[in-house]
Amino acid sequence: MNDSIQIDKLVPEDWQQVQQIYLQGISTGHATFQKEAPTWEEWNQSHLLECRMVARSAEDIIGWAALTPISNRAVYAGVAEVSIYIRQNSQGKGVGSKLLKSLIEESEQNGFWTLQSGIFPENHFSVTLHSKFGFREVGRRERMGKMNGVWRDILLLERRSHKVGLD
């Protein structure tokens, strides 16, 4: 399947399928604190215009990845948070690897020197994927938020570029 996966820029026409994949992630209880998917307008406003991508297999979107700024302060202009979601029936087939590799390359072309990701410790697949691409655990944020009345921890993973921000 990996050879038939095409990485494209995420465009507004992709939103319906992107939103469905996001909802699948929400339903697992291990992808996000969100309880519902945002509207296109909300999502579009919160994610950087550059570094948005989808993985396609034929006409179907089977995953997406995007960056969110961590701050609007100028000093953090090269630091962003990763979001990556894979359609449930496409997991374990190399989609996440292809998307994350492309997202890292695109982020470096756009001047990002640090990517970070907050991941529930129970989301072993996401932790493993990020680790494969040089993300390292820099901390555990305990009791970051409640989900269904239960406090949840977040692992904070970070990847420093070997191409950008070296000066």
C-alpha atoms as a PDB file:
ATOM      1  CA  MET A   1       0.000   0.000   0.000  1.00  0.00           C
ATOM      2  CA  ASN A   2       2.875   2.393   0.789  1.00  0.00           C
ATOM      3  CA  ASP A   3       3.736   2.768  -2.912  1.00  0.00           C
ATOM      4  CA  SER A   4       0.184   3.825  -3.782  1.00  0.00           C
ATOM      5  CA  ILE A   5       0.121   6.602  -1.154  1.00  0.00           C
ATOM      6  CA  GLN A   6       0.400  10.124  -2.503  1.00  0.00           C
ATOM      7  CA  ILE A   7       1.139  13.106  -0.221  1.00  0.00           C
ATOM      8  CA  ASP A   8      -0.655  16.308  -1.274  1.00  0.00           C
ATOM      9  CA  LYS A   9      -1.277  19.745   0.131  1.00  0.00           C
ATOM     10  CA  LEU A  10      -4.454  19.824   2.233  1.00  0.00           C
ATOM     11  CA  VAL A  11      -7.046  22.060   0.557  1.00  0.00           C
ATOM     12  CA  PRO A  12     -10.522  23.142   1.719  1.00  0.00           C
ATOM     13  CA  GLU A  13     -12.176  20.525  -0.519  1.00  0.00           C
ATOM     14  CA  ASP A  14     -10.463  17.830   1.594  1.00  0.00           C
ATOM     15  CA  TRP A  15     -12.124  18.978   4.800  1.00  0.00           C
ATOM     16  CA  GLN A  16     -15.035  16.506   4.876  1.00  0.00           C
ATOM     17  CA  GLN A  17     -12.715  13.479   4.763  1.00  0.00           C
ATOM     18  CA  VAL A  18     -10.151  15.144   7.072  1.00  0.00           C
ATOM     19  CA  GLN A  19     -12.918  15.839   9.583  1.00  0.00           C
ATOM     20  CA  GLN A  20     -14.098  12.197   9.420  1.00  0.00           C
ATOM     21  CA  ILE A  21     -10.574  10.998  10.215  1.00  0.00           C
ATOM     22  CA  TYR A  22     -10.357  13.509  13.073  1.00  0.00           C
ATOM     23  CA  LEU A  23     -13.656  12.187  14.459  1.00  0.00           C
ATOM     24  CA  GLN A  24     -12.265   8.626  14.337  1.00  0.00           C
ATOM     25  CA  GLY A  25      -9.315   9.826  16.402  1.00  0.00           C
ATOM     26  CA  ILE A  26     -11.614  11.511  18.905  1.00  0.00           C
ATOM     27  CA  SER A  27     -13.621   8.290  19.270  1.00  0.00           C
ATOM     28  CA  THR A  28     -10.532   6.356  20.415  1.00  0.00           C
ATOM     29  CA  GLY A  29     -10.195   8.506  23.522  1.00  0.00           C
ATOM     30  CA  HIS A  30      -6.403   8.534  23.053  1.00  0.00           C
ATOM     31  CA  ALA A  31      -5.852  11.166  20.362  1.00  0.00           C
ATOM     32  CA  THR A  32      -7.086  14.488  21.756  1.00  0.00           C
ATOM     33  CA  PHE A  33      -8.984  16.130  24.595  1.00  0.00           C
ATOM     34  CA  GLN A  34     -11.448  17.452  21.991  1.00  0.00           C
ATOM     35  CA  LYS A  35     -14.923  15.953  22.103  1.00  0.00           C
ATOM     36  CA  GLU A  36     -15.977  17.106  18.640  1.00  0.00           C
ATOM     37  CA  ALA A  37     -14.293  18.120  15.431  1.00  0.00           C
ATOM     38  CA  PRO A  38     -14.074  21.820  14.640  1.00  0.00           C
ATOM     39  CA  THR A  39     -15.647  23.456  11.621  1.00  0.00           C
ATOM     40  CA  TRP A  40     -13.427  24.090   8.611  1.00  0.00           C
ATOM     41  CA  GLU A  41     -13.277  27.779   9.557  1.00  0.00           C
ATOM     42  CA  GLU A  42     -12.110  27.003  13.112  1.00  0.00           C
ATOM     43  CA  TRP A  43      -9.564  24.435  11.956  1.00  0.00           C
ATOM     44  CA  ASN A  44      -8.279  26.635   9.134  1.00  0.00           C
ATOM     45  CA  GLN A  45      -7.797  29.577  11.481  1.00  0.00           C
ATOM     46  CA  SER A  46      -5.861  27.589  14.095  1.00  0.00           C
ATOM     47  CA  HIS A  47      -3.454  25.703  11.792  1.00  0.00           C
ATOM     48  CA  LEU A  48      -0.547  27.197   9.855  1.00  0.00           C
ATOM     49  CA  LEU A  49      -1.200  27.745   6.151  1.00  0.00           C
ATOM     50  CA  GLU A  50       2.068  26.060   5.249  1.00  0.00           C
ATOM     51  CA  CYS A  51       2.728  22.497   6.384  1.00  0.00           C
ATOM     52  CA  ARG A  52      -0.757  21.022   5.902  1.00  0.00           C
ATOM     53  CA  MET A  53      -0.922  17.732   4.069  1.00  0.00           C
ATOM     54  CA  VAL A  54      -3.034  14.722   3.312  1.00  0.00           C
ATOM     55  CA  ALA A  55      -2.184  11.169   2.337  1.00  0.00           C
ATOM     56  CA  ARG A  56      -4.270   9.865  -0.555  1.00  0.00           C
ATOM     57  CA  SER A  57      -4.864   6.391  -1.834  1.00  0.00           C
ATOM     58  CA  ALA A  58      -6.766   6.757  -5.089  1.00  0.00           C
ATOM     59  CA  GLU A  59      -9.546   9.279  -4.319  1.00  0.00           C
ATOM     60  CA  ASP A  60      -9.630   8.587  -0.585  1.00  0.00           C
ATOM     61  CA  ILE A  61      -7.839  10.608   2.048  1.00  0.00           C
ATOM     62  CA  ILE A  62      -6.350   8.112   4.487  1.00  0.00           C
ATOM     63  CA  GLY A  63      -4.491  10.485   6.777  1.00  0.00           C
ATOM     64  CA  TRP A  64      -3.606  14.084   7.433  1.00  0.00           C
ATOM     65  CA  ALA A  65      -0.958  16.107   9.215  1.00  0.00           C
ATOM     66  CA  ALA A  66      -0.642  19.794  10.039  1.00  0.00           C
ATOM     67  CA  LEU A  67       1.196  22.242  12.254  1.00  0.00           C
ATOM     68  CA  THR A  68      -0.158  24.656  14.844  1.00  0.00           C
ATOM     69  CA  PRO A  69       1.910  27.554  16.168  1.00  0.00           C
ATOM     70  CA  ILE A  70       2.767  27.179  19.847  1.00  0.00           C
ATOM     71  CA  SER A  71       2.848  30.941  20.410  1.00  0.00           C
ATOM     72  CA  ASN A  72       2.357  34.184  18.521  1.00  0.00           C
ATOM     73  CA  ARG A  73       5.574  35.598  20.034  1.00  0.00           C
ATOM     74  CA  ALA A  74       8.282  36.183  17.408  1.00  0.00           C
ATOM     75  CA  VAL A  75      10.911  34.196  19.317  1.00  0.00           C
ATOM     76  CA  TYR A  76       8.819  31.023  18.815  1.00  0.00           C
ATOM     77  CA  ALA A  77       8.231  31.534  15.076  1.00  0.00           C
ATOM     78  CA  GLY A  78      10.199  28.361  14.274  1.00  0.00           C
ATOM     79  CA  VAL A  79       8.417  26.127  16.779  1.00  0.00           C
ATOM     80  CA  ALA A  80       5.173  24.323  16.016  1.00  0.00           C
ATOM     81  CA  GLU A  81       2.995  21.511  17.313  1.00  0.00           C
ATOM     82  CA  VAL A  82       2.303  18.447  15.181  1.00  0.00           C
ATOM     83  CA  SER A  83      -1.135  16.981  14.559  1.00  0.00           C
ATOM     84  CA  ILE A  84      -1.258  13.694  12.676  1.00  0.00           C
ATOM     85  CA  TYR A  85      -4.260  11.428  12.209  1.00  0.00           C
ATOM     86  CA  ILE A  86      -4.577   8.227  10.197  1.00  0.00           C
ATOM     87  CA  ARG A  87      -7.839   6.619   9.068  1.00  0.00           C
ATOM     88  CA  GLN A  88      -8.407   3.585  11.292  1.00  0.00           C
ATOM     89  CA  ASN A  89      -8.469   1.037   8.458  1.00  0.00           C
ATOM     90  CA  SER A  90      -5.174   2.462   7.111  1.00  0.00           C
ATOM     91  CA  GLN A  91      -3.171   2.286  10.326  1.00  0.00           C
ATOM     92  CA  GLY A  92      -0.091   0.069  10.388  1.00  0.00           C
ATOM     93  CA  LYS A  93       0.470   0.400   6.624  1.00  0.00           C
ATOM     94  CA  GLY A  94       3.139   3.108   6.514  1.00  0.00           C
ATOM     95  CA  VAL A  95       0.775   6.055   6.080  1.00  0.00           C
ATOM     96  CA  GLY A  96       1.878   7.767   9.291  1.00  0.00           C
ATOM     97  CA  SER A  97       5.556   7.359   8.424  1.00  0.00           C
ATOM     98  CA  LYS A  98       5.099   8.812   4.966  1.00  0.00           C
ATOM     99  CA  LEU A  99       3.049  11.745   6.306  1.00  0.00           C
ATOM    100  CA  LEU A 100       5.359  12.570   9.217  1.00  0.00           C
ATOM    101  CA  LYS A 101       8.471  12.370   7.021  1.00  0.00           C
ATOM    102  CA  SER A 102       6.842  14.768   4.538  1.00  0.00           C
ATOM    103  CA  LEU A 103       5.669  17.094   7.316  1.00  0.00           C
ATOM    104  CA  ILE A 104       9.185  17.279   8.763  1.00  0.00           C
ATOM    105  CA  GLU A 105      10.679  18.051   5.333  1.00  0.00           C
ATOM    106  CA  GLU A 106       8.039  20.714   4.646  1.00  0.00           C
ATOM    107  CA  SER A 107       8.502  22.249   8.105  1.00  0.00           C
ATOM    108  CA  GLU A 108      12.251  22.605   7.543  1.00  0.00           C
ATOM    109  CA  GLN A 109      11.664  24.204   4.126  1.00  0.00           C
ATOM    110  CA  ASN A 110       9.483  26.737   5.964  1.00  0.00           C
ATOM    111  CA  GLY A 111      12.056  27.545   8.657  1.00  0.00           C
ATOM    112  CA  PHE A 112      10.811  25.455  11.592  1.00  0.00           C
ATOM    113  CA  TRP A 113      13.606  24.311  13.880  1.00  0.00           C
ATOM    114  CA  THR A 114      11.545  22.566  16.560  1.00  0.00           C
ATOM    115  CA  LEU A 115       8.477  20.377  16.273  1.00  0.00           C
ATOM    116  CA  GLN A 116       6.682  19.214  19.368  1.00  0.00           C
ATOM    117  CA  SER A 117       3.830  16.867  20.043  1.00  0.00           C
ATOM    118  CA  GLY A 118       1.686  16.237  23.111  1.00  0.00           C
ATOM    119  CA  ILE A 119       0.615  12.588  23.160  1.00  0.00           C
ATOM    120  CA  PHE A 120      -1.426  10.544  25.615  1.00  0.00           C
ATOM    121  CA  PRO A 121       0.933   7.867  27.046  1.00  0.00           C
ATOM    122  CA  GLU A 122      -1.636   5.209  26.100  1.00  0.00           C
ATOM    123  CA  ASN A 123      -1.261   6.112  22.406  1.00  0.00           C
ATOM    124  CA  HIS A 124       1.687   3.752  21.874  1.00  0.00           C
ATOM    125  CA  PHE A 125       1.415   3.877  18.069  1.00  0.00           C
ATOM    126  CA  SER A 126       1.825   7.657  17.992  1.00  0.00           C
ATOM    127  CA  VAL A 127       4.705   7.635  20.490  1.00  0.00           C
ATOM    128  CA  THR A 128       6.474   4.957  18.427  1.00  0.00           C
ATOM    129  CA  LEU A 129       5.876   6.824  15.153  1.00  0.00           C
ATOM    130  CA  HIS A 130       7.250  10.084  16.509  1.00  0.00           C
ATOM    131  CA  SER A 131      10.266   8.335  18.074  1.00  0.00           C
ATOM    132  CA  LYS A 132      11.054   6.738  14.696  1.00  0.00           C
ATOM    133  CA  PHE A 133      11.531  10.238  13.263  1.00  0.00           C
ATOM    134  CA  GLY A 134      13.786  11.629  15.969  1.00  0.00           C
ATOM    135  CA  PHE A 135      11.267  12.951  18.462  1.00  0.00           C
ATOM    136  CA  ARG A 136      12.385  12.422  22.038  1.00  0.00           C
ATOM    137  CA  GLU A 137      10.411  12.586  25.240  1.00  0.00           C
ATOM    138  CA  VAL A 138      11.276  15.792  27.064  1.00  0.00           C
ATOM    139  CA  GLY A 139       8.694  15.508  29.799  1.00  0.00           C
ATOM    140  CA  ARG A 140       5.456  14.197  31.139  1.00  0.00           C
ATOM    141  CA  ARG A 141       2.791  16.763  31.918  1.00  0.00           C
ATOM    142  CA  GLU A 142       0.787  15.204  34.720  1.00  0.00           C
ATOM    143  CA  ARG A 143      -2.947  15.706  35.080  1.00  0.00           C
ATOM    144  CA  MET A 144      -3.118  18.126  32.140  1.00  0.00           C
ATOM    145  CA  GLY A 145      -6.840  17.815  31.735  1.00  0.00           C
ATOM    146  CA  LYS A 146      -9.865  15.730  32.517  1.00  0.00           C
ATOM    147  CA  MET A 147     -11.481  13.463  29.997  1.00  0.00           C
ATOM    148  CA  ASN A 148     -14.787  11.908  31.016  1.00  0.00           C
ATOM    149  CA  GLY A 149     -14.012  12.814  34.624  1.00  0.00           C
ATOM    150  CA  VAL A 150     -10.551  11.185  34.603  1.00  0.00           C
ATOM    151  CA  TRP A 151      -7.300  13.163  34.792  1.00  0.00           C
ATOM    152  CA  ARG A 152      -5.006  12.451  31.833  1.00  0.00           C
ATOM    153  CA  ASP A 153      -1.269  12.885  31.455  1.00  0.00           C
ATOM    154  CA  ILE A 154       0.445  14.058  28.278  1.00  0.00           C
ATOM    155  CA  LEU A 155       3.904  13.058  27.073  1.00  0.00           C
ATOM    156  CA  LEU A 156       5.726  15.995  25.538  1.00  0.00           C
ATOM    157  CA  LEU A 157       7.886  14.926  22.594  1.00  0.00           C
ATOM    158  CA  GLU A 158      10.222  17.227  20.703  1.00  0.00           C
ATOM    159  CA  ARG A 159      12.302  17.079  17.550  1.00  0.00           C
ATOM    160  CA  ARG A 160      15.064  19.549  16.770  1.00  0.00           C
ATOM    161  CA  SER A 161      15.937  20.037  13.132  1.00  0.00           C
ATOM    162  CA  HIS A 162      19.390  19.079  11.911  1.00  0.00           C
ATOM    163  CA  LYS A 163      19.001  21.582   9.044  1.00  0.00           C
ATOM    164  CA  VAL A 164      17.294  24.691  10.462  1.00  0.00           C
ATOM    165  CA  GLY A 165      18.174  26.806  13.482  1.00  0.00           C
ATOM    166  CA  LEU A 166      21.754  25.625  13.755  1.00  0.00           C
ATOM    167  CA  ASP A 167      23.352  29.073  14.049  1.00  0.00           C
END
